[in-house]
Amino acid sequence: MSLSSGDTSRGSFPVIDRVGSPAELLELLPHRARLSCIAHPLSKAVVLGSAQRATDIDEAACEAEGYDILRRRSGGGAVLVAPGDQVWLDVFVPVSDPLFNTDVHVATYWLGELWKEVLSEVVGATAKLSMHRGKAVSSAWSSSVCFSGLGPGEITVDGYKVVGVSQRRSRYGAWLFSLALVNFDPLRLARMIAPHLGDKKELVDTLSAQVKGLGFDAWVLEDVLRRHLGGVA
């Protein structure tokens, strides 16, 4: 393993690339030291939050679109993953690590700052980047659709949410899960949400006003992300 220097205040993380089905990538690696994983899904899936109702999703529509229906171990609403549509980063921080914080609202701030540094190199100096601090901001759709709300550590560019963050904790530390949208189609997501949840046009309008993909190849962002994490395994 060779490590390059990361942010001196944050330190560096070993980085591994994981390639597989979304179901395989949602399985957490047993780990008790710092680790970061960049995940590369080989197929498409709708990923529900840990406590989300399965009835939020239209199974027939997902099948028609070629999306599996899966469930992650962290909270929030549904997220779409597909090859090349996102940059998916999972990071483990052990309880003994200076970055570990018992306050669940503050615990993700360092990761949000990392994403801000990465995105500032990619989107350009004229873009306005912001990280949300404090409690989550909910919307009428956020319990069903993850990116329609805004949580601590999450990033907006020019007012549009582009990075989502969630977490899962154990006695050994915290896994922080993040997803930067490269391509985002609100119409596709709306088609897979169950009709009883509300007006699909309202959902599309809401997402179009609040969420946007970054619009460039995922590998561009991944290369900058690796450098800022400071390590390659």
Protein backbone atom coordinates (compact mmCIF):
# COMPACT_ATOMS: atom_id res chain seq x y z
CA MET A 1 0.00 0.00 0.00
CA SER A 2 1.37 3.41 -0.92
CA LEU A 3 0.00 6.58 0.63
CA SER A 4 0.24 10.09 -0.66
CA SER A 5 -0.19 13.09 1.61
CA GLY A 6 -3.76 14.18 2.26
CA ASP A 7 -5.06 17.24 4.08
CA THR A 8 -2.77 17.63 7.09
CA SER A 9 -5.61 18.47 9.49
CA ARG A 10 -7.76 15.58 8.28
CA GLY A 11 -4.97 13.12 7.66
CA SER A 12 -5.05 10.55 4.88
CA PHE A 13 -7.22 7.52 4.18
CA PRO A 14 -6.30 4.32 2.37
CA VAL A 15 -8.51 4.02 -0.71
CA ILE A 16 -9.82 0.87 -2.29
CA ASP A 17 -11.98 0.50 -5.39
CA ARG A 18 -14.88 -1.93 -5.14
CA VAL A 19 -16.59 -3.27 -8.27
CA GLY A 20 -19.75 -5.38 -8.20
CA SER A 21 -23.51 -5.43 -8.17
CA PRO A 22 -25.21 -2.79 -5.99
CA ALA A 23 -26.22 -5.58 -3.59
CA GLU A 24 -22.56 -6.59 -3.20
CA LEU A 25 -21.42 -3.00 -2.74
CA LEU A 26 -23.99 -2.39 0.02
CA GLU A 27 -22.37 -5.13 2.12
CA LEU A 28 -20.00 -3.41 4.54
CA LEU A 29 -16.40 -4.57 4.73
CA PRO A 30 -15.39 -5.77 8.22
CA HIS A 31 -13.00 -3.06 9.32
CA ARG A 32 -11.75 -1.34 12.48
CA ALA A 33 -9.24 1.13 11.04
CA ARG A 34 -9.58 4.06 8.67
CA LEU A 35 -10.79 3.05 5.25
CA SER A 36 -12.39 4.67 2.21
CA CYS A 37 -14.11 2.75 -0.58
CA ILE A 38 -15.03 4.09 -4.01
CA ALA A 39 -17.82 1.84 -5.26
CA HIS A 40 -18.48 1.05 -8.93
CA PRO A 41 -21.88 -0.60 -9.49
CA LEU A 42 -22.16 -2.89 -12.51
CA SER A 43 -25.97 -2.73 -12.64
CA LYS A 44 -28.87 -0.49 -11.65
CA ALA A 45 -30.80 -0.36 -8.38
CA VAL A 46 -33.23 1.67 -6.32
CA VAL A 47 -31.76 1.70 -2.81
CA LEU A 48 -34.23 2.25 0.02
CA GLY A 49 -33.37 3.70 3.41
CA SER A 50 -33.13 1.28 6.34
CA ALA A 51 -36.54 2.21 7.76
CA GLN A 52 -38.28 3.19 4.54
CA ARG A 53 -41.49 1.44 3.55
CA ALA A 54 -41.16 -0.96 0.63
CA THR A 55 -44.53 0.29 -0.61
CA ASP A 56 -42.90 3.65 -1.46
CA ILE A 57 -41.60 2.02 -4.63
CA ASP A 58 -43.50 0.84 -7.71
CA GLU A 59 -42.08 -2.66 -8.27
CA ALA A 60 -43.47 -3.00 -11.79
CA ALA A 61 -41.98 0.34 -12.86
CA CYS A 62 -38.58 -0.60 -11.41
CA GLU A 63 -38.62 -3.90 -13.28
CA ALA A 64 -39.56 -2.13 -16.50
CA GLU A 65 -36.65 0.30 -16.05
CA GLY A 66 -34.23 -2.53 -15.19
CA TYR A 67 -33.65 -1.46 -11.58
CA ASP A 68 -33.34 -3.92 -8.70
CA ILE A 69 -34.90 -2.88 -5.37
CA LEU A 70 -32.44 -3.01 -2.46
CA ARG A 71 -32.17 -1.66 1.08
CA ARG A 72 -29.17 0.03 2.70
CA ARG A 73 -28.20 0.10 6.38
CA SER A 74 -28.53 3.85 6.83
CA GLY A 75 -31.59 6.06 6.95
CA GLY A 76 -33.25 8.38 4.48
CA GLY A 77 -35.28 7.91 1.31
CA ALA A 78 -34.74 6.15 -1.99
CA VAL A 79 -31.63 6.70 -4.11
CA LEU A 80 -30.94 5.53 -7.66
CA VAL A 81 -27.55 4.02 -8.49
CA ALA A 82 -26.36 2.98 -11.95
CA PRO A 83 -23.03 2.58 -13.75
CA GLY A 84 -21.48 6.01 -14.33
CA ASP A 85 -24.36 8.01 -12.83
CA GLN A 86 -22.69 8.82 -9.50
CA VAL A 87 -19.48 8.80 -7.51
CA TRP A 88 -20.14 6.58 -4.50
CA LEU A 89 -17.81 6.96 -1.52
CA ASP A 90 -18.06 5.04 1.77
CA VAL A 91 -15.68 5.93 4.60
CA PHE A 92 -15.07 4.17 7.92
CA VAL A 93 -13.86 6.19 10.94
CA PRO A 94 -12.99 4.22 14.12
CA VAL A 95 -14.08 5.51 17.54
CA SER A 96 -10.45 6.25 18.45
CA ASP A 97 -10.00 8.52 15.42
CA PRO A 98 -9.86 12.33 15.88
CA LEU A 99 -12.48 12.64 13.12
CA PHE A 100 -15.01 10.54 15.03
CA ASN A 101 -17.70 12.66 16.69
CA THR A 102 -20.49 11.48 18.97
CA ASP A 103 -22.75 14.28 17.71
CA VAL A 104 -24.45 12.77 14.66
CA HIS A 105 -25.05 16.23 13.17
CA VAL A 106 -21.40 17.28 13.40
CA ALA A 107 -19.91 13.88 12.54
CA THR A 108 -20.32 14.35 8.79
CA TYR A 109 -18.92 17.89 8.55
CA TRP A 110 -15.35 16.80 7.78
CA LEU A 111 -16.65 14.63 4.93
CA GLY A 112 -18.70 17.52 3.60
CA GLU A 113 -15.61 19.73 3.67
CA LEU A 114 -13.72 17.05 1.76
CA TRP A 115 -16.39 17.00 -0.94
CA LYS A 116 -16.31 20.81 -1.11
CA GLU A 117 -12.56 20.74 -1.71
CA VAL A 118 -12.93 18.10 -4.40
CA LEU A 119 -15.82 19.80 -6.17
CA SER A 120 -14.18 23.22 -6.06
CA GLU A 121 -11.45 21.85 -8.32
CA VAL A 122 -13.93 20.29 -10.73
CA VAL A 123 -16.84 22.73 -11.08
CA GLY A 124 -14.75 25.91 -11.18
CA ALA A 125 -14.29 29.03 -9.10
CA THR A 126 -17.47 30.74 -10.26
CA ALA A 127 -19.77 28.07 -8.75
CA LYS A 128 -21.17 28.64 -5.27
CA LEU A 129 -20.55 25.61 -3.06
CA SER A 130 -22.22 25.23 0.31
CA MET A 131 -22.26 22.55 3.03
CA HIS A 132 -25.35 22.18 5.20
CA ARG A 133 -24.78 22.42 8.96
CA GLY A 134 -27.21 21.59 11.74
CA LYS A 135 -30.33 19.47 11.65
CA ALA A 136 -31.76 18.02 8.47
CA VAL A 137 -34.16 20.11 6.40
CA SER A 138 -37.13 18.00 5.35
CA SER A 139 -39.59 18.36 2.51
CA ALA A 140 -42.88 16.69 1.65
CA TRP A 141 -40.93 14.07 -0.33
CA SER A 142 -37.73 13.62 1.70
CA SER A 143 -38.87 10.55 3.65
CA SER A 144 -39.42 8.79 0.31
CA VAL A 145 -36.79 10.41 -1.95
CA CYS A 146 -33.40 11.03 -0.37
CA PHE A 147 -32.21 13.97 -2.45
CA SER A 148 -35.36 16.04 -1.86
CA GLY A 149 -34.14 16.87 1.67
CA LEU A 150 -30.88 18.36 2.95
CA GLY A 151 -28.89 16.88 5.81
CA PRO A 152 -25.72 17.77 7.74
CA GLY A 153 -22.57 17.53 5.65
CA GLU A 154 -24.45 17.52 2.35
CA ILE A 155 -23.34 19.74 -0.51
CA THR A 156 -25.13 22.11 -2.85
CA VAL A 157 -23.68 23.75 -5.95
CA ASP A 158 -25.40 26.97 -6.98
CA GLY A 159 -28.31 25.98 -4.74
CA TYR A 160 -28.76 22.47 -6.18
CA LYS A 161 -28.06 19.44 -4.02
CA VAL A 162 -25.32 17.31 -5.57
CA VAL A 163 -23.92 15.25 -2.66
CA GLY A 164 -25.97 13.20 -0.21
CA VAL A 165 -24.57 11.79 3.05
CA SER A 166 -25.82 9.21 5.55
CA GLN A 167 -24.22 7.18 8.33
CA ARG A 168 -24.35 3.99 10.37
CA ARG A 169 -22.67 3.56 13.75
CA SER A 170 -21.41 0.64 15.80
CA ARG A 171 -19.26 0.27 18.91
CA TYR A 172 -16.21 0.20 16.62
CA GLY A 173 -16.85 3.45 14.76
CA ALA A 174 -18.96 5.04 12.04
CA TRP A 175 -19.47 4.30 8.38
CA LEU A 176 -20.22 7.49 6.46
CA PHE A 177 -21.90 6.92 3.10
CA SER A 178 -21.91 9.58 0.40
CA LEU A 179 -23.07 9.89 -3.18
CA ALA A 180 -22.23 12.67 -5.64
CA LEU A 181 -24.67 12.82 -8.55
CA VAL A 182 -23.04 12.90 -11.97
CA ASN A 183 -26.19 12.30 -14.01
CA PHE A 184 -29.67 12.84 -12.59
CA ASP A 185 -33.04 12.37 -14.27
CA PRO A 186 -35.98 13.38 -12.04
CA LEU A 187 -38.46 11.85 -14.50
CA ARG A 188 -36.88 8.41 -14.19
CA LEU A 189 -36.92 8.56 -10.41
CA ALA A 190 -40.52 9.77 -10.32
CA ARG A 191 -41.63 6.87 -12.52
CA MET A 192 -40.39 4.42 -9.89
CA ILE A 193 -42.06 6.10 -6.90
CA ALA A 194 -45.39 4.55 -5.91
CA PRO A 195 -48.40 6.57 -7.21
CA HIS A 196 -50.12 6.74 -3.81
CA LEU A 197 -47.35 8.98 -2.42
CA GLY A 198 -48.54 12.01 -4.37
CA ASP A 199 -48.54 13.93 -7.61
CA LYS A 200 -45.64 12.76 -9.81
CA LYS A 201 -45.51 16.09 -11.63
CA GLU A 202 -45.08 17.86 -8.29
CA LEU A 203 -42.23 15.50 -7.44
CA VAL A 204 -40.52 16.13 -10.78
CA ASP A 205 -40.91 19.90 -10.39
CA THR A 206 -39.56 19.75 -6.83
CA LEU A 207 -36.53 17.65 -7.79
CA SER A 208 -35.82 19.76 -10.88
CA ALA A 209 -35.69 22.87 -8.70
CA GLN A 210 -33.54 21.32 -5.95
CA VAL A 211 -31.29 18.63 -7.45
CA LYS A 212 -28.90 18.54 -10.39
CA GLY A 213 -26.26 16.17 -11.70
CA LEU A 214 -22.73 17.52 -12.08
CA GLY A 215 -22.71 16.65 -15.77
CA PHE A 216 -19.23 15.29 -16.33
CA ASP A 217 -17.59 11.85 -16.39
CA ALA A 218 -17.41 10.14 -12.99
CA TRP A 219 -13.72 9.26 -13.41
CA VAL A 220 -12.80 12.96 -13.46
CA LEU A 221 -14.28 13.45 -10.01
CA GLU A 222 -12.90 10.15 -8.73
CA ASP A 223 -9.33 11.09 -9.63
CA VAL A 224 -9.55 14.33 -7.64
CA LEU A 225 -11.30 12.52 -4.79
CA ARG A 226 -8.48 9.96 -4.48
CA ARG A 227 -5.91 12.70 -4.28
CA HIS A 228 -7.78 14.52 -1.51
CA LEU A 229 -8.30 11.30 0.45
CA GLY A 230 -4.54 10.93 0.27
CA GLY A 231 -4.12 7.20 -0.18
CA VAL A 232 -4.31 4.32 -2.63
CA ALA A 233 -4.51 0.70 -1.49
